N, C-alpha and C. Protein backbone atom coordinates (compact mmCIF):
# COMPACT_ATOMS: atom_id res chain seq x y z
N MET A 1 75.06 92.75 67.21
CA MET A 1 75.76 91.48 67.97
C MET A 1 74.59 90.85 68.68
N SER A 2 74.36 89.59 68.37
CA SER A 2 73.26 88.82 68.88
C SER A 2 73.46 88.57 70.45
N LYS A 3 72.33 88.56 71.08
CA LYS A 3 72.62 87.98 72.76
C LYS A 3 72.67 86.55 72.66
N PRO A 4 73.76 86.11 73.26
CA PRO A 4 73.76 84.66 73.64
C PRO A 4 72.64 84.01 74.38
N ASP A 5 72.31 82.77 73.98
CA ASP A 5 71.18 82.01 74.59
C ASP A 5 71.65 81.54 75.83
N LEU A 6 71.49 82.20 76.99
CA LEU A 6 72.13 81.70 78.21
C LEU A 6 70.84 81.37 79.11
N ASP A 7 70.59 80.19 79.57
CA ASP A 7 69.73 79.83 80.61
C ASP A 7 69.98 80.29 82.00
N ARG A 8 69.12 80.28 82.93
CA ARG A 8 69.29 80.69 84.45
C ARG A 8 70.53 80.04 85.05
N ILE A 9 70.74 78.69 84.58
CA ILE A 9 71.91 77.96 85.19
C ILE A 9 73.19 78.54 84.52
N ASP A 10 73.39 78.79 83.30
CA ASP A 10 74.56 79.27 82.69
C ASP A 10 74.80 80.67 83.28
N ARG A 11 73.85 81.45 83.65
CA ARG A 11 73.96 82.79 84.18
C ARG A 11 74.52 82.75 85.57
N LYS A 12 74.08 81.60 86.35
CA LYS A 12 74.37 81.38 87.81
C LYS A 12 75.93 81.05 87.74
N ILE A 13 76.24 80.14 86.85
CA ILE A 13 77.70 79.70 86.66
C ILE A 13 78.51 80.80 86.51
N LEU A 14 78.28 81.72 85.55
CA LEU A 14 78.94 83.00 85.19
C LEU A 14 78.95 83.87 86.37
N HIS A 15 77.94 84.12 87.07
CA HIS A 15 77.88 84.92 88.30
C HIS A 15 78.95 84.31 89.24
N GLU A 16 78.92 83.28 89.45
CA GLU A 16 79.91 82.56 90.63
C GLU A 16 81.20 82.78 90.08
N LEU A 17 81.48 82.42 88.73
CA LEU A 17 82.98 82.35 88.35
C LEU A 17 83.52 83.73 88.15
N MET A 18 82.73 84.72 87.87
CA MET A 18 83.20 86.09 87.81
C MET A 18 83.63 86.47 89.16
N ARG A 19 83.16 85.95 90.26
CA ARG A 19 83.54 86.41 91.64
C ARG A 19 84.62 85.56 92.08
N ASP A 20 84.79 84.28 91.63
CA ASP A 20 85.98 83.46 92.12
C ASP A 20 85.96 82.28 91.13
N ALA A 21 87.11 82.41 90.09
CA ALA A 21 87.19 81.63 89.24
C ALA A 21 87.90 80.28 89.69
N THR A 22 88.38 80.31 91.01
CA THR A 22 89.21 79.16 91.48
C THR A 22 88.19 78.14 92.15
N LEU A 23 86.85 78.54 92.16
CA LEU A 23 85.99 77.51 92.90
C LEU A 23 86.16 76.06 92.22
N PRO A 24 86.19 75.05 93.22
CA PRO A 24 86.27 73.78 92.49
C PRO A 24 84.92 73.41 91.97
N VAL A 25 84.94 72.54 90.92
CA VAL A 25 83.85 72.13 90.23
C VAL A 25 82.69 71.76 91.22
N ALA A 26 82.98 70.93 92.30
CA ALA A 26 82.11 70.40 93.18
C ALA A 26 81.16 71.58 93.94
N GLN A 27 82.07 72.70 94.27
CA GLN A 27 81.42 73.73 95.00
C GLN A 27 80.63 74.60 93.97
N LEU A 28 81.18 74.77 92.78
CA LEU A 28 80.34 75.44 91.74
C LEU A 28 79.13 74.92 91.47
N ALA A 29 79.14 73.53 91.32
CA ALA A 29 77.99 72.72 91.03
C ALA A 29 76.87 72.89 92.04
N GLU A 30 77.41 72.99 93.34
CA GLU A 30 76.43 73.03 94.41
C GLU A 30 75.84 74.41 94.59
N ARG A 31 76.43 75.34 94.40
CA ARG A 31 76.01 76.71 94.25
C ARG A 31 74.99 76.98 93.19
N VAL A 32 75.16 76.10 92.04
CA VAL A 32 74.24 76.43 90.98
C VAL A 32 73.14 75.42 90.72
N GLY A 33 73.26 74.35 91.59
CA GLY A 33 72.00 73.30 91.62
C GLY A 33 72.14 72.38 90.75
N LEU A 34 73.50 71.90 90.27
CA LEU A 34 73.62 70.77 89.39
C LEU A 34 74.74 69.76 89.97
N SER A 35 74.81 68.75 89.34
CA SER A 35 75.76 67.69 89.89
C SER A 35 77.10 68.33 88.97
N GLN A 36 78.24 67.51 89.43
CA GLN A 36 79.56 68.11 88.95
C GLN A 36 79.64 67.71 87.43
N THR A 37 79.20 66.69 86.88
CA THR A 37 79.49 66.60 85.48
C THR A 37 78.66 67.29 84.53
N PRO A 38 77.56 67.63 84.86
CA PRO A 38 76.77 68.60 84.05
C PRO A 38 77.30 70.15 84.19
N CYS A 39 77.64 70.36 85.34
CA CYS A 39 78.20 71.68 85.60
C CYS A 39 79.38 71.87 84.81
N TRP A 40 80.37 71.04 84.97
CA TRP A 40 81.59 71.08 84.25
C TRP A 40 81.47 71.14 82.75
N LYS A 41 80.32 70.41 82.19
CA LYS A 41 80.15 70.31 80.68
C LYS A 41 79.83 71.74 80.32
N ARG A 42 78.89 72.30 81.13
CA ARG A 42 78.39 73.74 80.90
C ARG A 42 79.63 74.78 80.89
N VAL A 43 80.48 74.74 81.78
CA VAL A 43 81.48 75.45 81.96
C VAL A 43 82.33 75.42 80.63
N GLN A 44 82.67 74.27 80.11
CA GLN A 44 83.40 73.76 78.92
C GLN A 44 82.62 74.51 77.76
N LYS A 45 81.41 74.34 77.66
CA LYS A 45 80.47 75.06 76.69
C LYS A 45 80.53 76.55 76.55
N LEU A 46 80.69 77.08 77.79
CA LEU A 46 80.72 78.48 77.86
C LEU A 46 82.19 79.08 77.29
N GLU A 47 83.22 78.10 77.70
CA GLU A 47 84.66 78.37 77.21
C GLU A 47 84.57 78.47 75.70
N ALA A 48 84.07 77.15 75.20
CA ALA A 48 84.05 77.02 73.68
C ALA A 48 83.32 78.12 72.85
N ALA A 49 82.42 78.60 73.58
CA ALA A 49 81.56 79.54 72.80
C ALA A 49 82.16 81.10 72.93
N GLY A 50 83.27 81.22 73.75
CA GLY A 50 84.07 82.47 73.84
C GLY A 50 83.33 83.37 74.83
N ILE A 51 82.33 82.84 75.62
CA ILE A 51 81.77 83.51 76.65
C ILE A 51 82.55 83.64 77.88
N ILE A 52 83.22 82.59 78.36
CA ILE A 52 84.32 82.95 79.34
C ILE A 52 85.64 82.87 78.38
N GLN A 53 86.38 83.86 78.36
CA GLN A 53 87.40 84.11 77.49
C GLN A 53 88.69 83.49 78.08
N ARG A 54 88.76 83.66 79.46
CA ARG A 54 90.08 83.23 80.25
C ARG A 54 89.65 83.40 81.62
N ARG A 55 90.53 82.76 82.33
CA ARG A 55 90.43 82.71 83.82
C ARG A 55 91.87 83.44 84.30
N VAL A 56 91.81 84.31 85.27
CA VAL A 56 93.03 85.13 85.59
C VAL A 56 92.96 85.36 87.16
N ALA A 57 94.20 85.81 87.65
CA ALA A 57 94.20 86.30 88.88
C ALA A 57 94.18 87.78 88.97
N ILE A 58 93.25 88.16 89.84
CA ILE A 58 93.23 89.65 90.01
C ILE A 58 94.30 90.18 90.91
N VAL A 59 95.10 91.00 90.45
CA VAL A 59 96.20 91.56 91.16
C VAL A 59 96.06 92.88 91.75
N ASP A 60 96.30 93.22 92.85
CA ASP A 60 96.20 94.63 93.37
C ASP A 60 97.30 95.48 92.91
N PRO A 61 97.23 96.41 91.93
CA PRO A 61 98.27 97.13 91.29
C PRO A 61 99.06 97.95 92.15
N ASP A 62 98.62 98.34 93.27
CA ASP A 62 99.38 99.20 94.29
C ASP A 62 100.41 98.35 94.93
N LYS A 63 99.96 97.24 95.16
CA LYS A 63 100.94 96.09 95.89
C LYS A 63 102.06 95.57 94.90
N ILE A 64 101.89 95.76 93.65
CA ILE A 64 103.04 95.45 92.80
C ILE A 64 103.84 96.76 92.11
N GLY A 65 103.59 97.83 92.97
CA GLY A 65 104.36 98.96 92.59
C GLY A 65 103.74 99.72 91.29
N LEU A 66 102.48 99.62 90.96
CA LEU A 66 101.83 100.31 90.01
C LEU A 66 100.73 101.14 90.37
N GLY A 67 101.06 102.09 91.36
CA GLY A 67 100.23 102.86 92.17
C GLY A 67 99.57 104.00 91.45
N LEU A 68 99.89 104.51 90.29
CA LEU A 68 99.50 105.59 89.51
C LEU A 68 98.57 105.07 88.39
N ALA A 69 97.36 105.46 88.44
CA ALA A 69 96.42 105.22 87.49
C ALA A 69 96.05 106.56 86.68
N VAL A 70 96.24 106.45 85.41
CA VAL A 70 96.06 107.67 84.55
C VAL A 70 95.13 107.42 83.46
N PHE A 71 94.11 108.10 83.24
CA PHE A 71 93.31 108.02 81.99
C PHE A 71 93.71 109.03 81.10
N VAL A 72 94.00 108.68 80.01
CA VAL A 72 94.59 109.48 78.77
C VAL A 72 93.49 109.62 77.63
N GLU A 73 93.12 110.89 77.49
CA GLU A 73 92.04 111.06 76.46
C GLU A 73 92.76 111.52 75.13
N ILE A 74 92.54 111.00 74.06
CA ILE A 74 93.21 111.15 72.77
C ILE A 74 92.20 111.64 71.70
N GLU A 75 92.45 112.76 71.05
CA GLU A 75 91.92 113.22 69.91
C GLU A 75 92.83 112.90 68.74
N ALA A 76 92.07 112.28 67.84
CA ALA A 76 93.05 111.65 66.58
C ALA A 76 93.36 112.91 65.69
N LEU A 77 94.60 112.76 65.05
CA LEU A 77 94.92 113.84 64.09
C LEU A 77 93.98 113.85 62.92
N ASP A 78 93.65 112.77 62.51
CA ASP A 78 92.60 112.53 61.55
C ASP A 78 91.95 111.36 61.75
N HIS A 79 91.02 110.97 60.93
CA HIS A 79 90.23 109.91 61.19
C HIS A 79 90.29 108.80 59.82
N THR A 80 91.63 108.74 59.48
CA THR A 80 91.80 107.89 58.36
C THR A 80 92.11 106.42 58.89
N PRO A 81 92.03 105.52 57.97
CA PRO A 81 92.31 104.23 58.27
C PRO A 81 93.83 104.08 58.62
N ASP A 82 94.66 104.85 57.95
CA ASP A 82 96.18 104.87 58.17
C ASP A 82 96.56 105.18 59.73
N TRP A 83 95.85 106.33 60.01
CA TRP A 83 96.12 106.97 61.33
C TRP A 83 95.47 105.86 62.42
N ARG A 84 94.20 105.20 62.12
CA ARG A 84 93.84 104.23 63.06
C ARG A 84 94.80 102.96 63.28
N ALA A 85 95.29 102.60 62.24
CA ALA A 85 96.31 101.48 62.10
C ALA A 85 97.47 101.97 62.89
N ALA A 86 98.12 103.13 62.58
CA ALA A 86 99.35 103.48 63.49
C ALA A 86 98.85 103.51 64.91
N PHE A 87 97.76 103.96 65.25
CA PHE A 87 97.22 104.02 66.76
C PHE A 87 97.34 102.71 67.21
N ARG A 88 96.61 101.76 66.75
CA ARG A 88 96.65 100.36 67.05
C ARG A 88 98.03 99.71 67.19
N ASP A 89 98.86 100.07 66.26
CA ASP A 89 100.30 99.61 66.31
C ASP A 89 100.98 100.14 67.51
N ALA A 90 100.83 101.49 67.71
CA ALA A 90 101.45 102.13 68.74
C ALA A 90 101.18 101.79 70.23
N ILE A 91 99.81 101.60 70.35
CA ILE A 91 99.42 101.10 71.65
C ILE A 91 99.86 99.70 72.08
N THR A 92 100.22 98.86 71.21
CA THR A 92 100.47 97.53 71.40
C THR A 92 101.98 97.60 72.00
N THR A 93 102.81 98.57 71.88
CA THR A 93 104.10 98.57 72.34
C THR A 93 104.30 99.12 73.78
N PHE A 94 103.29 99.63 74.33
CA PHE A 94 103.34 100.11 75.77
C PHE A 94 102.71 99.10 76.75
N PRO A 95 103.36 98.28 77.63
CA PRO A 95 102.77 97.44 78.29
C PRO A 95 102.04 98.10 79.66
N CYS A 96 102.13 99.45 79.87
CA CYS A 96 101.59 100.09 80.78
C CYS A 96 100.08 100.43 80.61
N ILE A 97 99.82 100.27 79.21
CA ILE A 97 98.52 100.53 78.80
C ILE A 97 97.62 99.27 79.13
N VAL A 98 96.52 99.33 80.01
CA VAL A 98 95.82 98.29 80.37
C VAL A 98 94.52 98.34 79.79
N GLU A 99 93.94 99.37 79.23
CA GLU A 99 92.50 99.33 78.58
C GLU A 99 92.61 100.49 77.51
N VAL A 100 91.96 100.15 76.43
CA VAL A 100 91.76 101.30 75.39
C VAL A 100 90.35 101.11 74.81
N HIS A 101 89.75 102.26 74.93
CA HIS A 101 88.32 102.31 74.45
C HIS A 101 88.21 103.46 73.16
N ARG A 102 87.58 103.11 72.22
CA ARG A 102 87.12 104.08 71.18
C ARG A 102 85.80 104.57 71.52
N MET A 103 85.92 105.80 71.52
CA MET A 103 84.70 106.79 72.35
C MET A 103 83.93 107.41 71.18
N ALA A 104 82.71 107.82 71.64
CA ALA A 104 81.79 108.81 70.82
C ALA A 104 81.82 109.92 71.62
N GLY A 105 81.76 111.12 71.04
CA GLY A 105 81.67 112.33 71.76
C GLY A 105 83.15 113.21 71.41
N ASP A 106 83.53 113.99 72.21
CA ASP A 106 84.54 114.88 72.13
C ASP A 106 85.92 114.19 72.16
N VAL A 107 86.17 113.23 72.62
CA VAL A 107 87.40 112.30 72.62
C VAL A 107 87.24 111.22 71.88
N ASP A 108 88.21 110.91 70.99
CA ASP A 108 88.32 109.70 70.04
C ASP A 108 88.56 108.46 70.82
N TYR A 109 89.70 108.50 71.75
CA TYR A 109 90.05 107.23 72.46
C TYR A 109 90.32 107.64 73.78
N LEU A 110 89.99 106.58 74.76
CA LEU A 110 90.32 106.68 76.24
C LEU A 110 91.22 105.46 76.47
N ILE A 111 92.32 105.87 77.19
CA ILE A 111 93.32 104.80 77.38
C ILE A 111 93.54 104.90 79.02
N LYS A 112 93.46 103.66 79.68
CA LYS A 112 93.99 103.67 80.91
C LYS A 112 95.41 103.04 81.08
N VAL A 113 96.06 103.66 81.90
CA VAL A 113 97.57 103.53 82.07
C VAL A 113 97.94 103.03 83.50
N ARG A 114 98.64 102.33 83.75
CA ARG A 114 99.12 101.95 85.14
C ARG A 114 100.62 102.18 85.27
N VAL A 115 101.16 102.87 86.07
CA VAL A 115 102.64 103.06 86.04
C VAL A 115 102.96 103.30 87.65
N PRO A 116 104.29 103.15 87.97
CA PRO A 116 104.64 103.31 89.27
C PRO A 116 104.57 104.60 89.74
N ASP A 117 104.94 105.77 89.01
CA ASP A 117 104.95 107.19 89.43
C ASP A 117 104.93 108.15 88.55
N MET A 118 104.90 109.29 88.73
CA MET A 118 104.71 110.44 87.74
C MET A 118 105.88 110.42 86.78
N ALA A 119 107.19 110.09 87.10
CA ALA A 119 108.29 110.07 86.23
C ALA A 119 108.02 108.98 85.19
N ALA A 120 107.41 107.85 85.68
CA ALA A 120 107.22 106.80 84.62
C ALA A 120 106.02 107.17 83.66
N PHE A 121 105.11 107.93 84.16
CA PHE A 121 104.01 108.39 83.27
C PHE A 121 104.49 109.25 82.32
N ASP A 122 105.37 110.28 82.81
CA ASP A 122 106.10 111.30 81.92
C ASP A 122 106.72 110.69 80.65
N GLU A 123 107.64 109.61 81.05
CA GLU A 123 108.32 108.78 80.14
C GLU A 123 107.32 108.22 79.00
N PHE A 124 106.23 107.57 79.53
CA PHE A 124 105.29 107.07 78.74
C PHE A 124 104.55 108.07 77.59
N TYR A 125 104.28 109.16 78.29
CA TYR A 125 103.82 110.30 77.43
C TYR A 125 104.58 110.93 76.51
N LEU A 126 105.89 110.96 76.79
CA LEU A 126 106.86 111.49 75.83
C LEU A 126 106.89 110.44 74.56
N GLN A 127 106.98 109.13 74.91
CA GLN A 127 107.08 108.05 73.95
C GLN A 127 105.90 107.94 73.01
N LEU A 128 104.81 108.09 73.71
CA LEU A 128 103.57 107.99 72.97
C LEU A 128 103.30 109.23 72.04
N THR A 129 103.61 110.36 72.44
CA THR A 129 103.43 111.36 71.66
C THR A 129 104.44 111.53 70.51
N ARG A 130 105.64 110.85 70.64
CA ARG A 130 106.67 110.74 69.61
C ARG A 130 106.27 109.77 68.70
N ALA A 131 105.61 108.71 69.03
CA ALA A 131 105.14 107.60 68.26
C ALA A 131 104.11 107.81 67.37
N LEU A 132 103.21 108.77 67.98
CA LEU A 132 101.84 108.89 67.32
C LEU A 132 101.42 110.47 67.26
N PRO A 133 101.30 111.07 66.03
CA PRO A 133 100.87 112.38 66.07
C PRO A 133 99.33 112.37 66.31
N CYS A 134 98.97 113.29 67.46
CA CYS A 134 97.69 113.58 67.77
C CYS A 134 97.32 114.72 67.82
N ARG A 135 95.91 115.13 67.74
CA ARG A 135 95.36 116.47 67.79
C ARG A 135 95.61 117.15 69.18
N ASN A 136 95.09 116.17 70.07
CA ASN A 136 95.26 116.56 71.62
C ASN A 136 95.39 115.27 72.35
N VAL A 137 96.04 115.51 73.50
CA VAL A 137 96.41 114.35 74.61
C VAL A 137 96.09 115.07 75.87
N THR A 138 95.03 114.47 76.59
CA THR A 138 94.84 115.03 77.95
C THR A 138 94.84 113.91 78.95
N SER A 139 95.55 114.30 80.02
CA SER A 139 95.66 113.25 81.08
C SER A 139 94.83 113.70 82.45
N LYS A 140 94.26 112.47 82.93
CA LYS A 140 93.65 112.63 84.25
C LYS A 140 94.06 111.77 85.13
N PHE A 141 94.29 112.10 86.33
CA PHE A 141 94.86 111.18 87.23
C PHE A 141 93.84 110.72 88.23
N SER A 142 93.87 109.54 88.63
CA SER A 142 93.17 109.00 89.41
C SER A 142 93.57 109.26 91.05
N MET A 143 92.65 109.78 91.91
CA MET A 143 93.01 110.07 93.14
C MET A 143 92.75 108.78 94.06
N GLU A 144 91.60 108.24 93.75
CA GLU A 144 91.31 107.13 94.75
C GLU A 144 90.28 106.07 93.75
N VAL A 145 90.42 104.88 94.02
CA VAL A 145 89.45 103.98 93.39
C VAL A 145 88.40 103.67 94.38
N ILE A 146 87.24 104.10 93.98
CA ILE A 146 86.10 103.85 94.70
C ILE A 146 85.32 102.54 94.71
N LEU A 147 85.36 102.08 93.40
CA LEU A 147 84.92 100.75 93.06
C LEU A 147 85.58 100.18 92.03
N ARG A 148 85.99 98.72 92.10
CA ARG A 148 86.49 98.07 91.06
C ARG A 148 86.02 96.74 91.11
N THR A 149 85.56 96.30 89.93
CA THR A 149 85.03 94.88 89.92
C THR A 149 85.19 94.31 88.55
N THR A 150 85.24 92.98 88.58
CA THR A 150 85.49 92.32 87.24
C THR A 150 84.18 91.54 86.88
N ALA A 151 83.15 91.62 87.88
CA ALA A 151 82.01 90.79 87.58
C ALA A 151 80.97 91.86 87.00
N TRP A 152 80.49 91.32 85.93
CA TRP A 152 79.48 91.99 85.14
C TRP A 152 78.16 91.76 85.80
N PRO A 153 77.28 92.66 85.54
CA PRO A 153 75.87 92.65 86.43
C PRO A 153 75.10 91.67 85.67
N ILE A 154 75.06 90.54 85.69
CA ILE A 154 74.43 89.51 85.04
C ILE A 154 73.27 88.85 85.93
N SER A 155 72.02 88.95 85.35
CA SER A 155 70.88 88.54 86.19
C SER A 155 70.91 87.01 86.39
N THR A 156 70.67 86.49 87.54
CA THR A 156 70.59 85.10 87.73
C THR A 156 69.10 84.62 88.14
N ASP A 157 68.15 85.40 87.67
CA ASP A 157 66.75 84.98 87.89
C ASP A 157 66.31 84.15 86.68
């Protein structure tokens, strides 16, 4: 994958928007050293290029009743295209799955799940293992979030 051609101003725009996507264009422009129209055009260009994929509200999961974070490690039953397709289909049926990563190493997939409590996780686990045959499923429960950010470490120099 090629690295996008972002200049210092584009990186500053991204830096600011990753921290607060609700910034008015006037404030954003001031922070990055542009007038409003060129700043807005750059934001639109970043969106059109797919660099800015969407703008969302970051919600505290604990405050909406999703206090249990679980990382689920999955070892595939086999590594066939059919199993991978079944895996992709299965995970889309669970709204409590908030991240899925295909991994290198001992574990094939790492899933992050957000649920209200252990009973809800147990129900998810039972449904997942019924829907998808796996070699091994291991769950790890988060005790405390030490750091959470949505801002990528982008250089503004």
